[in-house]
Amino acid sequence: MKVTAPLLFDCLLALLLGCFASSCNRDQMEVANAEVDKVMTVVDAPPEFEGGMPAFYKHIWKNFKLPAACQESYIWGKVWVEFVVTKEGKLVSPKIIKGLGDQLEDGTLHPAVKAFHEEMLRVFSHSPRWKPGTHEGVARNVRIVLLARIIHRQI
């Protein structure tokens, strides 16, 4: 079969258009994946801990071990913890956004408070999996802020 110039041009044009279309699809897919990977705060269905929030607070209470630095201190207060539940249901990136706040004169945290915060982050980091949050029917990464209150009274 003899290849003519118009046939060769048509083949090259189809090949170029095919490459352009596939790169557009790849770009669209990357944008769609970036949208799904974005951390959201408002979703149609928020993440759920199996058994609900009472079960999650029970997990915290059961696993929180009062640090030795806190044993002789009167520790009380609210600790606000921010974290992300991934689209796979894993709790990641916990951080204290408002802690007990007992600072020393030099601006550092009191050792007992620092130990308390570290233990709270440890407990959150070892959380069992959650049911991921969804938005528009797709599992999404969702940022959550929770209040955790642990009271220790000196006896």
C-alpha atoms as a PDB file:
ATOM      1  CA  MET A   1       0.000   0.000   0.000  1.00  0.00           C
ATOM      2  CA  LYS A   2       1.328   3.330  -1.021  1.00  0.00           C
ATOM      3  CA  VAL A   3       1.199   6.010   1.692  1.00  0.00           C
ATOM      4  CA  THR A   4       0.063   9.334   0.298  1.00  0.00           C
ATOM      5  CA  ALA A   5       0.766  12.728   1.811  1.00  0.00           C
ATOM      6  CA  PRO A   6      -2.882  13.404   2.822  1.00  0.00           C
ATOM      7  CA  LEU A   7      -3.121   9.973   4.518  1.00  0.00           C
ATOM      8  CA  LEU A   8       0.178  10.560   6.315  1.00  0.00           C
ATOM      9  CA  PHE A   9      -1.013  14.036   7.384  1.00  0.00           C
ATOM     10  CA  ASP A  10      -4.308  12.577   8.664  1.00  0.00           C
ATOM     11  CA  CYS A  11      -2.433   9.927  10.671  1.00  0.00           C
ATOM     12  CA  LEU A  12      -0.072  12.498  12.202  1.00  0.00           C
ATOM     13  CA  LEU A  13      -2.976  14.829  12.998  1.00  0.00           C
ATOM     14  CA  ALA A  14      -4.891  11.984  14.673  1.00  0.00           C
ATOM     15  CA  LEU A  15      -1.797  11.013  16.631  1.00  0.00           C
ATOM     16  CA  LEU A  16      -1.226  14.615  17.795  1.00  0.00           C
ATOM     17  CA  LEU A  17      -4.880  15.094  18.717  1.00  0.00           C
ATOM     18  CA  GLY A  18      -4.848  11.800  20.597  1.00  0.00           C
ATOM     19  CA  CYS A  19      -1.784  12.904  22.592  1.00  0.00           C
ATOM     20  CA  PHE A  20      -3.359  16.292  23.308  1.00  0.00           C
ATOM     21  CA  ALA A  21      -6.618  14.658  24.416  1.00  0.00           C
ATOM     22  CA  SER A  22      -4.830  12.203  26.670  1.00  0.00           C
ATOM     23  CA  SER A  23      -2.771  14.994  28.263  1.00  0.00           C
ATOM     24  CA  CYS A  24      -5.983  16.978  28.839  1.00  0.00           C
ATOM     25  CA  ASN A  25      -7.562  13.929  30.452  1.00  0.00           C
ATOM     26  CA  ARG A  26      -4.453  13.456  32.597  1.00  0.00           C
ATOM     27  CA  ASP A  27      -4.574  17.142  33.638  1.00  0.00           C
ATOM     28  CA  GLN A  28      -8.280  16.845  34.430  1.00  0.00           C
ATOM     29  CA  MET A  29      -7.593  13.694  36.438  1.00  0.00           C
ATOM     30  CA  GLU A  30      -4.794  15.433  38.371  1.00  0.00           C
ATOM     31  CA  VAL A  31      -7.122  18.348  39.182  1.00  0.00           C
ATOM     32  CA  ALA A  32      -9.859  15.910  40.251  1.00  0.00           C
ATOM     33  CA  ASN A  33      -7.387  13.961  42.434  1.00  0.00           C
ATOM     34  CA  ALA A  34      -6.099  17.201  43.990  1.00  0.00           C
ATOM     35  CA  GLU A  35      -9.694  18.173  44.787  1.00  0.00           C
ATOM     36  CA  VAL A  36     -10.324  14.812  46.509  1.00  0.00           C
ATOM     37  CA  ASP A  37      -7.006  15.049  48.413  1.00  0.00           C
ATOM     38  CA  LYS A  38      -7.783  18.561  49.678  1.00  0.00           C
ATOM     39  CA  VAL A  39      -8.560  18.749  53.391  1.00  0.00           C
ATOM     40  CA  MET A  40     -12.121  19.948  53.903  1.00  0.00           C
ATOM     41  CA  THR A  41     -13.922  21.284  56.958  1.00  0.00           C
ATOM     42  CA  VAL A  42     -17.503  21.196  55.684  1.00  0.00           C
ATOM     43  CA  VAL A  43     -18.770  17.997  54.062  1.00  0.00           C
ATOM     44  CA  ASP A  44     -22.106  16.324  53.380  1.00  0.00           C
ATOM     45  CA  ALA A  45     -21.400  13.497  55.847  1.00  0.00           C
ATOM     46  CA  PRO A  46     -18.698  14.025  58.504  1.00  0.00           C
ATOM     47  CA  PRO A  47     -16.329  11.241  59.579  1.00  0.00           C
ATOM     48  CA  GLU A  48     -17.708   8.862  62.178  1.00  0.00           C
ATOM     49  CA  PHE A  49     -15.957   6.858  64.847  1.00  0.00           C
ATOM     50  CA  GLU A  50     -17.374   3.345  65.136  1.00  0.00           C
ATOM     51  CA  GLY A  51     -19.807   3.547  68.052  1.00  0.00           C
ATOM     52  CA  GLY A  52     -20.077   7.336  67.745  1.00  0.00           C
ATOM     53  CA  MET A  53     -18.384  10.074  69.707  1.00  0.00           C
ATOM     54  CA  PRO A  54     -19.138   8.497  73.110  1.00  0.00           C
ATOM     55  CA  ALA A  55     -17.051   5.511  71.976  1.00  0.00           C
ATOM     56  CA  PHE A  56     -14.217   7.815  70.848  1.00  0.00           C
ATOM     57  CA  TYR A  57     -14.197   9.629  74.190  1.00  0.00           C
ATOM     58  CA  LYS A  58     -14.162   6.222  75.885  1.00  0.00           C
ATOM     59  CA  HIS A  59     -11.106   5.342  73.749  1.00  0.00           C
ATOM     60  CA  ILE A  60      -9.394   8.525  74.988  1.00  0.00           C
ATOM     61  CA  TRP A  61     -10.294   7.870  78.629  1.00  0.00           C
ATOM     62  CA  LYS A  62      -9.230   4.217  78.453  1.00  0.00           C
ATOM     63  CA  ASN A  63      -5.872   4.902  76.782  1.00  0.00           C
ATOM     64  CA  PHE A  64      -4.846   8.183  78.427  1.00  0.00           C
ATOM     65  CA  LYS A  65      -2.150   7.507  81.009  1.00  0.00           C
ATOM     66  CA  LEU A  66      -1.515  10.428  83.309  1.00  0.00           C
ATOM     67  CA  PRO A  67       2.198  11.244  82.923  1.00  0.00           C
ATOM     68  CA  ALA A  68       4.459  10.984  85.959  1.00  0.00           C
ATOM     69  CA  ALA A  69       5.118  14.742  85.733  1.00  0.00           C
ATOM     70  CA  CYS A  70       1.383  15.275  86.331  1.00  0.00           C
ATOM     71  CA  GLN A  71       0.957  12.833  89.205  1.00  0.00           C
ATOM     72  CA  GLU A  72       1.529  15.427  91.935  1.00  0.00           C
ATOM     73  CA  SER A  73      -0.037  18.357  90.082  1.00  0.00           C
ATOM     74  CA  TYR A  74      -3.616  19.451  90.044  1.00  0.00           C
ATOM     75  CA  ILE A  75      -4.334  19.191  86.326  1.00  0.00           C
ATOM     76  CA  TRP A  76      -7.627  20.265  84.871  1.00  0.00           C
ATOM     77  CA  GLY A  77      -8.910  22.035  81.841  1.00  0.00           C
ATOM     78  CA  LYS A  78      -9.945  21.774  78.265  1.00  0.00           C
ATOM     79  CA  VAL A  79      -7.617  20.726  75.496  1.00  0.00           C
ATOM     80  CA  TRP A  80      -8.711  21.427  71.936  1.00  0.00           C
ATOM     81  CA  VAL A  81      -7.211  18.926  69.490  1.00  0.00           C
ATOM     82  CA  GLU A  82      -7.265  19.381  65.729  1.00  0.00           C
ATOM     83  CA  PHE A  83      -6.728  16.404  63.422  1.00  0.00           C
ATOM     84  CA  VAL A  84      -7.556  15.089  59.968  1.00  0.00           C
ATOM     85  CA  VAL A  85      -9.522  11.951  59.192  1.00  0.00           C
ATOM     86  CA  THR A  86      -8.232  10.820  55.808  1.00  0.00           C
ATOM     87  CA  LYS A  87     -10.373   9.479  52.993  1.00  0.00           C
ATOM     88  CA  GLU A  88      -9.076   6.058  54.092  1.00  0.00           C
ATOM     89  CA  GLY A  89     -10.397   6.640  57.636  1.00  0.00           C
ATOM     90  CA  LYS A  90      -7.054   7.134  59.374  1.00  0.00           C
ATOM     91  CA  LEU A  91      -6.646   9.843  62.034  1.00  0.00           C
ATOM     92  CA  VAL A  92      -3.509  11.865  61.176  1.00  0.00           C
ATOM     93  CA  SER A  93      -1.763  15.114  62.114  1.00  0.00           C
ATOM     94  CA  PRO A  94      -3.190  15.636  65.606  1.00  0.00           C
ATOM     95  CA  LYS A  95      -2.109  18.875  67.237  1.00  0.00           C
ATOM     96  CA  ILE A  96      -3.108  20.853  70.297  1.00  0.00           C
ATOM     97  CA  ILE A  97      -4.606  24.134  69.133  1.00  0.00           C
ATOM     98  CA  LYS A  98      -5.585  25.321  72.606  1.00  0.00           C
ATOM     99  CA  GLY A  99      -4.057  23.593  75.579  1.00  0.00           C
ATOM    100  CA  LEU A 100      -3.908  23.950  79.316  1.00  0.00           C
ATOM    101  CA  GLY A 101      -1.631  26.936  78.910  1.00  0.00           C
ATOM    102  CA  ASP A 102       0.337  26.988  82.184  1.00  0.00           C
ATOM    103  CA  GLN A 103       3.405  28.823  80.944  1.00  0.00           C
ATOM    104  CA  LEU A 104       6.513  29.588  82.902  1.00  0.00           C
ATOM    105  CA  GLU A 105       8.004  33.083  83.130  1.00  0.00           C
ATOM    106  CA  ASP A 106      10.251  32.371  80.139  1.00  0.00           C
ATOM    107  CA  GLY A 107       7.196  31.540  77.977  1.00  0.00           C
ATOM    108  CA  THR A 108       7.775  27.786  77.866  1.00  0.00           C
ATOM    109  CA  LEU A 109       5.142  25.301  78.984  1.00  0.00           C
ATOM    110  CA  HIS A 110       5.239  23.888  82.464  1.00  0.00           C
ATOM    111  CA  PRO A 111       6.753  20.349  82.227  1.00  0.00           C
ATOM    112  CA  ALA A 112       3.562  18.737  83.569  1.00  0.00           C
ATOM    113  CA  VAL A 113       1.433  20.543  80.980  1.00  0.00           C
ATOM    114  CA  LYS A 114       3.847  19.638  78.181  1.00  0.00           C
ATOM    115  CA  ALA A 115       3.726  15.982  79.259  1.00  0.00           C
ATOM    116  CA  PHE A 116      -0.086  16.138  79.407  1.00  0.00           C
ATOM    117  CA  HIS A 117      -0.264  17.539  75.859  1.00  0.00           C
ATOM    118  CA  GLU A 118       2.177  14.926  74.543  1.00  0.00           C
ATOM    119  CA  GLU A 119       0.139  12.106  76.100  1.00  0.00           C
ATOM    120  CA  MET A 120      -3.078  13.478  74.596  1.00  0.00           C
ATOM    121  CA  LEU A 121      -1.447  13.579  71.149  1.00  0.00           C
ATOM    122  CA  ARG A 122      -0.186  10.009  71.631  1.00  0.00           C
ATOM    123  CA  VAL A 123      -3.707   8.785  72.400  1.00  0.00           C
ATOM    124  CA  PHE A 124      -5.165  10.570  69.364  1.00  0.00           C
ATOM    125  CA  SER A 125      -2.359   9.238  67.139  1.00  0.00           C
ATOM    126  CA  HIS A 126      -3.239   5.660  68.104  1.00  0.00           C
ATOM    127  CA  SER A 127      -6.931   5.994  67.322  1.00  0.00           C
ATOM    128  CA  PRO A 128      -8.633   3.110  65.527  1.00  0.00           C
ATOM    129  CA  ARG A 129      -9.851   3.846  62.007  1.00  0.00           C
ATOM    130  CA  TRP A 130     -12.876   6.019  61.408  1.00  0.00           C
ATOM    131  CA  LYS A 131     -15.549   5.851  58.728  1.00  0.00           C
ATOM    132  CA  PRO A 132     -14.337   8.600  56.348  1.00  0.00           C
ATOM    133  CA  GLY A 133     -16.355  11.730  55.693  1.00  0.00           C
ATOM    134  CA  THR A 134     -17.937  12.135  52.273  1.00  0.00           C
ATOM    135  CA  HIS A 135     -18.779  15.066  50.073  1.00  0.00           C
ATOM    136  CA  GLU A 136     -20.842  14.675  46.914  1.00  0.00           C
ATOM    137  CA  GLY A 137     -20.634  10.912  47.379  1.00  0.00           C
ATOM    138  CA  VAL A 138     -16.817  10.786  47.446  1.00  0.00           C
ATOM    139  CA  ALA A 139     -14.673   9.984  50.508  1.00  0.00           C
ATOM    140  CA  ARG A 140     -12.708  13.089  51.518  1.00  0.00           C
ATOM    141  CA  ASN A 141      -9.995  14.188  53.947  1.00  0.00           C
ATOM    142  CA  VAL A 142     -11.759  16.111  56.718  1.00  0.00           C
ATOM    143  CA  ARG A 143     -10.319  18.385  59.420  1.00  0.00           C
ATOM    144  CA  ILE A 144     -11.945  18.061  62.848  1.00  0.00           C
ATOM    145  CA  VAL A 145     -11.483  19.987  66.095  1.00  0.00           C
ATOM    146  CA  LEU A 146     -12.534  18.238  69.298  1.00  0.00           C
ATOM    147  CA  LEU A 147     -12.599  19.199  72.926  1.00  0.00           C
ATOM    148  CA  ALA A 148     -10.987  16.688  75.265  1.00  0.00           C
ATOM    149  CA  ARG A 149     -11.351  17.262  78.969  1.00  0.00           C
ATOM    150  CA  ILE A 150      -9.337  15.254  81.480  1.00  0.00           C
ATOM    151  CA  ILE A 151      -9.589  16.138  85.153  1.00  0.00           C
ATOM    152  CA  HIS A 152      -7.110  14.835  87.713  1.00  0.00           C
ATOM    153  CA  ARG A 153      -7.704  15.717  91.314  1.00  0.00           C
ATOM    154  CA  GLN A 154      -4.884  15.423  93.783  1.00  0.00           C
ATOM    155  CA  ILE A 155      -5.847  13.095  96.639  1.00  0.00           C
END
